[in-house]
Amino acid sequence: MQSEKQPGLREGVADGVPIMVGYFPVAMAFGLLAKTVGVTLADACLFSLVVFAGASQFMALDLIKAGIAAVDIVLATFLLNLRHMMMSASLAVRLRGVRRGLLPVIAFGVTDETFSVASLRAGGLTASYLLGLNGAAYVAWAAGTVAGYLIGQVLPAAVQSSLGIGLYALFAAILVPGLKQNKSALIIVLLSGLLYLLLSSFTPLSSGWSLIAAIIAAAAGGLVALENGGEEEI
């Protein structure tokens, strides 16, 4: 029987087109907000080229705006991105005969969206397919960041300053739909927010370390809720 054709670079890029359509406007929002926070164009581009993690980049902008120390920002974004290690490991077990040197490159490009597309694809995966899929998303995110920043340069100062509220609106848009479906998630979010408030107000911890402690506590709480069936919808 003829073996099934393995997906290649072309199939990866094709599967990545819908992700590109979604990433470009969100990356434009990041570029616009980076401009309003006072991040330079070069640094905004480095954010998207080196970090390449949407939620973490928006969180980093919020922390920069709040005056959090750089070390605390790096640690907070690292903790937020730990899930990517699990996603990369999950995809790696479906790859065969891949040079070890390519694995870090593939893992770097894995996002929530590219992981979903790749993991739902039937059959085996190839390095060329994942490079095409991840590469398409990467290009769209980087290009959108530049476009958004350049647009921000021609906007009036009053409009630029008002865009700061977009940081909070974005996180609310990400968070609220999930909270409506999961009572345990709502409780964890409220408790982690209260914990951050208490730590930052009544302990010698800095705002950055208080945030990191709240992130760890929220992650631990989510794990406990998941083990006890907290994923049930209300």
C-alpha atoms as a PDB file:
ATOM      1  CA  MET A   1       0.000   0.000   0.000  1.00  0.00           C
ATOM      2  CA  GLN A   2       1.304   3.449  -0.917  1.00  0.00           C
ATOM      3  CA  SER A   3       2.448   5.434   2.092  1.00  0.00           C
ATOM      4  CA  GLU A   4       0.657   8.654   2.947  1.00  0.00           C
ATOM      5  CA  LYS A   5       2.413  11.780   1.729  1.00  0.00           C
ATOM      6  CA  GLN A   6       3.968  13.720   4.566  1.00  0.00           C
ATOM      7  CA  PRO A   7       3.110  17.452   4.824  1.00  0.00           C
ATOM      8  CA  GLY A   8       5.870  19.803   3.739  1.00  0.00           C
ATOM      9  CA  LEU A   9       6.760  23.485   3.745  1.00  0.00           C
ATOM     10  CA  ARG A  10       3.994  24.443   1.320  1.00  0.00           C
ATOM     11  CA  GLU A  11       1.300  22.748   3.410  1.00  0.00           C
ATOM     12  CA  GLY A  12       2.668  24.418   6.535  1.00  0.00           C
ATOM     13  CA  VAL A  13       2.500  27.890   5.011  1.00  0.00           C
ATOM     14  CA  ALA A  14      -0.997  27.199   3.667  1.00  0.00           C
ATOM     15  CA  ASP A  15      -2.204  26.113   7.107  1.00  0.00           C
ATOM     16  CA  GLY A  16      -0.558  29.208   8.568  1.00  0.00           C
ATOM     17  CA  VAL A  17      -2.435  31.708   6.387  1.00  0.00           C
ATOM     18  CA  PRO A  18      -5.518  31.908   8.667  1.00  0.00           C
ATOM     19  CA  ILE A  19      -3.188  32.484  11.624  1.00  0.00           C
ATOM     20  CA  MET A  20      -1.441  35.256   9.700  1.00  0.00           C
ATOM     21  CA  VAL A  21      -4.793  36.964   9.126  1.00  0.00           C
ATOM     22  CA  GLY A  22      -5.499  36.899  12.842  1.00  0.00           C
ATOM     23  CA  TYR A  23      -1.992  37.796  14.021  1.00  0.00           C
ATOM     24  CA  PHE A  24      -1.401  40.870  11.867  1.00  0.00           C
ATOM     25  CA  PRO A  25      -4.046  43.182  13.433  1.00  0.00           C
ATOM     26  CA  VAL A  26      -3.214  42.008  16.976  1.00  0.00           C
ATOM     27  CA  ALA A  27       0.474  42.682  16.330  1.00  0.00           C
ATOM     28  CA  MET A  28      -0.494  46.114  15.002  1.00  0.00           C
ATOM     29  CA  ALA A  29      -2.214  46.760  18.342  1.00  0.00           C
ATOM     30  CA  PHE A  30       1.002  45.739  20.106  1.00  0.00           C
ATOM     31  CA  GLY A  31       3.047  48.094  17.939  1.00  0.00           C
ATOM     32  CA  LEU A  32       0.631  50.958  18.605  1.00  0.00           C
ATOM     33  CA  LEU A  33       0.688  50.357  22.357  1.00  0.00           C
ATOM     34  CA  ALA A  34       4.473  49.996  22.406  1.00  0.00           C
ATOM     35  CA  LYS A  35       4.682  53.462  20.859  1.00  0.00           C
ATOM     36  CA  THR A  36       2.368  54.938  23.504  1.00  0.00           C
ATOM     37  CA  VAL A  37       4.339  53.347  26.364  1.00  0.00           C
ATOM     38  CA  GLY A  38       7.552  54.921  25.059  1.00  0.00           C
ATOM     39  CA  VAL A  39       9.252  51.812  23.659  1.00  0.00           C
ATOM     40  CA  THR A  40      11.432  52.540  20.635  1.00  0.00           C
ATOM     41  CA  LEU A  41      10.743  51.033  17.217  1.00  0.00           C
ATOM     42  CA  ALA A  42      13.896  48.905  17.443  1.00  0.00           C
ATOM     43  CA  ASP A  43      12.924  47.561  20.874  1.00  0.00           C
ATOM     44  CA  ALA A  44       9.335  46.881  19.776  1.00  0.00           C
ATOM     45  CA  CYS A  45      10.677  44.888  16.822  1.00  0.00           C
ATOM     46  CA  LEU A  46      13.043  42.972  19.107  1.00  0.00           C
ATOM     47  CA  PHE A  47      10.088  42.159  21.358  1.00  0.00           C
ATOM     48  CA  SER A  48       8.301  40.463  18.486  1.00  0.00           C
ATOM     49  CA  LEU A  49      11.387  38.918  16.898  1.00  0.00           C
ATOM     50  CA  VAL A  50      12.965  37.537  20.086  1.00  0.00           C
ATOM     51  CA  VAL A  51      10.039  36.960  22.453  1.00  0.00           C
ATOM     52  CA  PHE A  52       7.288  36.167  19.915  1.00  0.00           C
ATOM     53  CA  ALA A  53       4.580  35.606  22.517  1.00  0.00           C
ATOM     54  CA  GLY A  54       1.563  37.857  22.270  1.00  0.00           C
ATOM     55  CA  ALA A  55       0.138  37.719  25.800  1.00  0.00           C
ATOM     56  CA  SER A  56       3.601  38.028  27.352  1.00  0.00           C
ATOM     57  CA  GLN A  57       4.488  40.998  25.182  1.00  0.00           C
ATOM     58  CA  PHE A  58       1.324  42.863  26.138  1.00  0.00           C
ATOM     59  CA  MET A  59       1.927  42.018  29.792  1.00  0.00           C
ATOM     60  CA  ALA A  60       5.500  43.275  29.499  1.00  0.00           C
ATOM     61  CA  LEU A  61       4.245  46.599  28.136  1.00  0.00           C
ATOM     62  CA  ASP A  62       1.908  46.929  31.083  1.00  0.00           C
ATOM     63  CA  LEU A  63       4.755  46.186  33.507  1.00  0.00           C
ATOM     64  CA  ILE A  64       7.055  48.662  31.748  1.00  0.00           C
ATOM     65  CA  LYS A  65       4.350  51.297  32.005  1.00  0.00           C
ATOM     66  CA  ALA A  66       4.039  50.545  35.740  1.00  0.00           C
ATOM     67  CA  GLY A  67       7.820  50.969  36.222  1.00  0.00           C
ATOM     68  CA  ILE A  68       8.526  47.322  37.164  1.00  0.00           C
ATOM     69  CA  ALA A  69      12.206  46.313  37.137  1.00  0.00           C
ATOM     70  CA  ALA A  70      13.532  44.563  34.033  1.00  0.00           C
ATOM     71  CA  VAL A  71      14.537  41.402  35.930  1.00  0.00           C
ATOM     72  CA  ASP A  72      11.014  41.049  37.322  1.00  0.00           C
ATOM     73  CA  ILE A  73       9.502  41.522  33.854  1.00  0.00           C
ATOM     74  CA  VAL A  74      11.745  38.818  32.369  1.00  0.00           C
ATOM     75  CA  LEU A  75      10.887  36.358  35.139  1.00  0.00           C
ATOM     76  CA  ALA A  76       7.157  37.083  34.912  1.00  0.00           C
ATOM     77  CA  THR A  77       7.084  36.539  31.148  1.00  0.00           C
ATOM     78  CA  PHE A  78       9.158  33.370  31.556  1.00  0.00           C
ATOM     79  CA  LEU A  79       6.607  31.933  33.969  1.00  0.00           C
ATOM     80  CA  LEU A  80       3.737  32.909  31.686  1.00  0.00           C
ATOM     81  CA  ASN A  81       5.421  31.138  28.764  1.00  0.00           C
ATOM     82  CA  LEU A  82       6.279  27.872  30.540  1.00  0.00           C
ATOM     83  CA  ARG A  83       3.312  26.213  28.815  1.00  0.00           C
ATOM     84  CA  HIS A  84       5.209  26.459  25.522  1.00  0.00           C
ATOM     85  CA  MET A  85       7.682  23.865  26.786  1.00  0.00           C
ATOM     86  CA  MET A  86       4.871  21.345  27.147  1.00  0.00           C
ATOM     87  CA  MET A  87       3.413  22.197  23.742  1.00  0.00           C
ATOM     88  CA  SER A  88       6.804  21.859  22.057  1.00  0.00           C
ATOM     89  CA  ALA A  89       7.443  18.517  23.755  1.00  0.00           C
ATOM     90  CA  SER A  90       4.032  17.275  22.622  1.00  0.00           C
ATOM     91  CA  LEU A  91       4.825  18.087  18.985  1.00  0.00           C
ATOM     92  CA  ALA A  92       8.369  16.735  19.204  1.00  0.00           C
ATOM     93  CA  VAL A  93       7.173  13.181  19.894  1.00  0.00           C
ATOM     94  CA  ARG A  94       5.384  13.203  16.517  1.00  0.00           C
ATOM     95  CA  LEU A  95       8.554  14.078  14.613  1.00  0.00           C
ATOM     96  CA  ARG A  96      10.847  11.407  13.252  1.00  0.00           C
ATOM     97  CA  GLY A  97      14.329  11.684  11.820  1.00  0.00           C
ATOM     98  CA  VAL A  98      14.721  15.411  12.571  1.00  0.00           C
ATOM     99  CA  ARG A  99      18.153  16.904  13.134  1.00  0.00           C
ATOM    100  CA  ARG A 100      18.539  17.957  16.760  1.00  0.00           C
ATOM    101  CA  GLY A 101      19.706  21.392  15.673  1.00  0.00           C
ATOM    102  CA  LEU A 102      16.279  22.101  14.175  1.00  0.00           C
ATOM    103  CA  LEU A 103      14.312  21.277  17.321  1.00  0.00           C
ATOM    104  CA  PRO A 104      15.088  24.574  19.139  1.00  0.00           C
ATOM    105  CA  VAL A 105      14.142  26.512  15.996  1.00  0.00           C
ATOM    106  CA  ILE A 106      10.829  24.673  15.717  1.00  0.00           C
ATOM    107  CA  ALA A 107      10.139  25.024  19.434  1.00  0.00           C
ATOM    108  CA  PHE A 108      10.774  28.776  19.319  1.00  0.00           C
ATOM    109  CA  GLY A 109       8.020  29.255  16.753  1.00  0.00           C
ATOM    110  CA  VAL A 110       5.354  27.278  18.616  1.00  0.00           C
ATOM    111  CA  THR A 111       2.447  29.426  19.801  1.00  0.00           C
ATOM    112  CA  ASP A 112      -0.993  28.555  21.132  1.00  0.00           C
ATOM    113  CA  GLU A 113      -2.450  28.887  17.632  1.00  0.00           C
ATOM    114  CA  THR A 114       0.243  27.029  15.684  1.00  0.00           C
ATOM    115  CA  PHE A 115       0.196  24.255  18.276  1.00  0.00           C
ATOM    116  CA  SER A 116      -3.564  23.889  17.877  1.00  0.00           C
ATOM    117  CA  VAL A 117      -3.307  23.644  14.085  1.00  0.00           C
ATOM    118  CA  ALA A 118      -0.387  21.196  14.167  1.00  0.00           C
ATOM    119  CA  SER A 119      -1.818  18.990  16.895  1.00  0.00           C
ATOM    120  CA  LEU A 120      -5.155  18.656  15.112  1.00  0.00           C
ATOM    121  CA  ARG A 121      -3.547  17.635  11.827  1.00  0.00           C
ATOM    122  CA  ALA A 122      -4.004  13.933  11.168  1.00  0.00           C
ATOM    123  CA  GLY A 123      -0.991  11.759  10.511  1.00  0.00           C
ATOM    124  CA  GLY A 124       2.656  12.552  11.080  1.00  0.00           C
ATOM    125  CA  LEU A 125       4.403  15.888  11.172  1.00  0.00           C
ATOM    126  CA  THR A 126       7.601  16.984   9.498  1.00  0.00           C
ATOM    127  CA  ALA A 127      10.147  19.638  10.331  1.00  0.00           C
ATOM    128  CA  SER A 128       9.475  21.449   7.055  1.00  0.00           C
ATOM    129  CA  TYR A 129       5.739  21.560   7.779  1.00  0.00           C
ATOM    130  CA  LEU A 130       6.233  23.041  11.244  1.00  0.00           C
ATOM    131  CA  LEU A 131       8.817  25.505   9.962  1.00  0.00           C
ATOM    132  CA  GLY A 132       6.355  26.679   7.305  1.00  0.00           C
ATOM    133  CA  LEU A 133       3.481  26.926   9.786  1.00  0.00           C
ATOM    134  CA  ASN A 134       5.489  28.702  12.477  1.00  0.00           C
ATOM    135  CA  GLY A 135       7.327  30.871   9.964  1.00  0.00           C
ATOM    136  CA  ALA A 136       4.110  32.200   8.453  1.00  0.00           C
ATOM    137  CA  ALA A 137       2.831  33.213  11.891  1.00  0.00           C
ATOM    138  CA  TYR A 138       6.206  34.733  12.800  1.00  0.00           C
ATOM    139  CA  VAL A 139       6.375  36.913   9.692  1.00  0.00           C
ATOM    140  CA  ALA A 140       2.831  38.189  10.213  1.00  0.00           C
ATOM    141  CA  TRP A 141       3.490  39.034  13.858  1.00  0.00           C
ATOM    142  CA  ALA A 142       6.729  40.898  13.119  1.00  0.00           C
ATOM    143  CA  ALA A 143       5.252  42.780  10.146  1.00  0.00           C
ATOM    144  CA  GLY A 144       2.165  43.743  12.131  1.00  0.00           C
ATOM    145  CA  THR A 145       4.310  45.125  14.946  1.00  0.00           C
ATOM    146  CA  VAL A 146       6.222  47.387  12.560  1.00  0.00           C
ATOM    147  CA  ALA A 147       3.040  48.525  10.797  1.00  0.00           C
ATOM    148  CA  GLY A 148       1.304  49.329  14.082  1.00  0.00           C
ATOM    149  CA  TYR A 149       4.262  51.288  15.417  1.00  0.00           C
ATOM    150  CA  LEU A 150       4.591  53.347  12.235  1.00  0.00           C
ATOM    151  CA  ILE A 151       0.878  54.118  12.271  1.00  0.00           C
ATOM    152  CA  GLY A 152       1.245  55.223  15.881  1.00  0.00           C
ATOM    153  CA  GLN A 153       3.868  57.767  14.867  1.00  0.00           C
ATOM    154  CA  VAL A 154       1.387  59.700  12.726  1.00  0.00           C
ATOM    155  CA  LEU A 155      -1.470  59.647  15.247  1.00  0.00           C
ATOM    156  CA  PRO A 156      -2.141  62.782  17.342  1.00  0.00           C
ATOM    157  CA  ALA A 157      -0.590  62.777  20.811  1.00  0.00           C
ATOM    158  CA  ALA A 158      -4.026  62.745  22.479  1.00  0.00           C
ATOM    159  CA  VAL A 159      -5.002  59.588  20.587  1.00  0.00           C
ATOM    160  CA  GLN A 160      -1.688  57.900  21.413  1.00  0.00           C
ATOM    161  CA  SER A 161      -2.068  58.571  25.145  1.00  0.00           C
ATOM    162  CA  SER A 162      -5.618  57.213  25.149  1.00  0.00           C
ATOM    163  CA  LEU A 163      -4.486  53.911  23.649  1.00  0.00           C
ATOM    164  CA  GLY A 164      -3.028  52.845  26.989  1.00  0.00           C
ATOM    165  CA  ILE A 165      -6.469  51.622  28.018  1.00  0.00           C
ATOM    166  CA  GLY A 166      -6.120  49.049  25.235  1.00  0.00           C
ATOM    167  CA  LEU A 167      -3.795  47.003  27.447  1.00  0.00           C
ATOM    168  CA  TYR A 168      -6.511  46.461  30.000  1.00  0.00           C
ATOM    169  CA  ALA A 169      -9.214  45.979  27.367  1.00  0.00           C
ATOM    170  CA  LEU A 170      -7.114  43.278  25.683  1.00  0.00           C
ATOM    171  CA  PHE A 171      -6.637  41.262  28.869  1.00  0.00           C
ATOM    172  CA  ALA A 172     -10.313  41.646  29.712  1.00  0.00           C
ATOM    173  CA  ALA A 173     -11.236  40.330  26.247  1.00  0.00           C
ATOM    174  CA  ILE A 174      -8.943  37.318  26.727  1.00  0.00           C
ATOM    175  CA  LEU A 175     -10.042  36.582  30.276  1.00  0.00           C
ATOM    176  CA  VAL A 176     -13.791  37.203  30.439  1.00  0.00           C
ATOM    177  CA  PRO A 177     -15.002  34.522  27.950  1.00  0.00           C
ATOM    178  CA  GLY A 178     -13.154  31.809  29.833  1.00  0.00           C
ATOM    179  CA  LEU A 179     -14.395  33.024  33.202  1.00  0.00           C
ATOM    180  CA  LYS A 180     -17.998  32.850  32.010  1.00  0.00           C
ATOM    181  CA  GLN A 181     -17.604  29.135  31.356  1.00  0.00           C
ATOM    182  CA  ASN A 182     -15.544  28.114  34.362  1.00  0.00           C
ATOM    183  CA  LYS A 183     -16.416  28.940  37.965  1.00  0.00           C
ATOM    184  CA  SER A 184     -13.097  27.592  39.261  1.00  0.00           C
ATOM    185  CA  ALA A 185     -11.158  29.888  36.908  1.00  0.00           C
ATOM    186  CA  LEU A 186     -13.126  32.886  38.163  1.00  0.00           C
ATOM    187  CA  ILE A 187     -12.348  32.011  41.785  1.00  0.00           C
ATOM    188  CA  ILE A 188      -8.642  31.521  41.003  1.00  0.00           C
ATOM    189  CA  VAL A 189      -8.431  34.865  39.184  1.00  0.00           C
ATOM    190  CA  LEU A 190     -10.112  36.722  42.058  1.00  0.00           C
ATOM    191  CA  LEU A 191      -7.936  35.049  44.684  1.00  0.00           C
ATOM    192  CA  SER A 192      -4.710  35.644  42.739  1.00  0.00           C
ATOM    193  CA  GLY A 193      -5.648  39.306  42.274  1.00  0.00           C
ATOM    194  CA  LEU A 194      -6.348  39.628  45.999  1.00  0.00           C
ATOM    195  CA  LEU A 195      -3.060  37.867  46.787  1.00  0.00           C
ATOM    196  CA  TYR A 196      -1.142  40.313  44.576  1.00  0.00           C
ATOM    197  CA  LEU A 197      -2.840  43.256  46.272  1.00  0.00           C
ATOM    198  CA  LEU A 198      -2.000  41.939  49.746  1.00  0.00           C
ATOM    199  CA  LEU A 199       1.613  41.092  48.891  1.00  0.00           C
ATOM    200  CA  SER A 200       2.312  44.420  47.211  1.00  0.00           C
ATOM    201  CA  SER A 201       0.634  46.425  49.999  1.00  0.00           C
ATOM    202  CA  PHE A 202       1.626  44.632  53.196  1.00  0.00           C
ATOM    203  CA  THR A 203       4.930  42.860  52.477  1.00  0.00           C
ATOM    204  CA  PRO A 204       8.424  44.109  51.602  1.00  0.00           C
ATOM    205  CA  LEU A 205       8.162  42.400  48.212  1.00  0.00           C
ATOM    206  CA  SER A 206       8.382  44.696  45.177  1.00  0.00           C
ATOM    207  CA  SER A 207       5.443  44.935  42.777  1.00  0.00           C
ATOM    208  CA  GLY A 208       7.307  42.682  40.338  1.00  0.00           C
ATOM    209  CA  TRP A 209       7.969  39.904  42.862  1.00  0.00           C
ATOM    210  CA  SER A 210       4.423  40.208  44.183  1.00  0.00           C
ATOM    211  CA  LEU A 211       3.160  39.630  40.637  1.00  0.00           C
ATOM    212  CA  ILE A 212       5.458  36.625  40.191  1.00  0.00           C
ATOM    213  CA  ALA A 213       4.225  35.102  43.461  1.00  0.00           C
ATOM    214  CA  ALA A 214       0.612  35.633  42.364  1.00  0.00           C
ATOM    215  CA  ILE A 215       1.331  33.956  38.986  1.00  0.00           C
ATOM    216  CA  ILE A 216       2.850  30.899  40.698  1.00  0.00           C
ATOM    217  CA  ALA A 217      -0.059  30.699  43.135  1.00  0.00           C
ATOM    218  CA  ALA A 218      -2.608  31.002  40.310  1.00  0.00           C
ATOM    219  CA  ALA A 219      -0.862  28.263  38.314  1.00  0.00           C
ATOM    220  CA  ALA A 220      -0.820  25.961  41.344  1.00  0.00           C
ATOM    221  CA  GLY A 221      -4.477  26.704  42.004  1.00  0.00           C
ATOM    222  CA  GLY A 222      -5.362  25.954  38.395  1.00  0.00           C
ATOM    223  CA  LEU A 223      -3.565  22.611  38.592  1.00  0.00           C
ATOM    224  CA  VAL A 224      -5.463  21.652  41.744  1.00  0.00           C
ATOM    225  CA  ALA A 225      -8.782  22.712  40.198  1.00  0.00           C
ATOM    226  CA  LEU A 226      -8.053  20.670  37.073  1.00  0.00           C
ATOM    227  CA  GLU A 227      -7.213  17.569  39.082  1.00  0.00           C
ATOM    228  CA  ASN A 228     -10.468  17.931  41.011  1.00  0.00           C
ATOM    229  CA  GLY A 229     -12.670  18.326  37.956  1.00  0.00           C
ATOM    230  CA  GLY A 230     -12.694  22.135  37.953  1.00  0.00           C
ATOM    231  CA  GLU A 231     -12.949  22.214  34.162  1.00  0.00           C
ATOM    232  CA  GLU A 232     -16.719  21.615  34.273  1.00  0.00           C
ATOM    233  CA  GLU A 233     -18.755  24.403  32.769  1.00  0.00           C
ATOM    234  CA  ILE A 234     -21.305  26.307  34.786  1.00  0.00           C
END
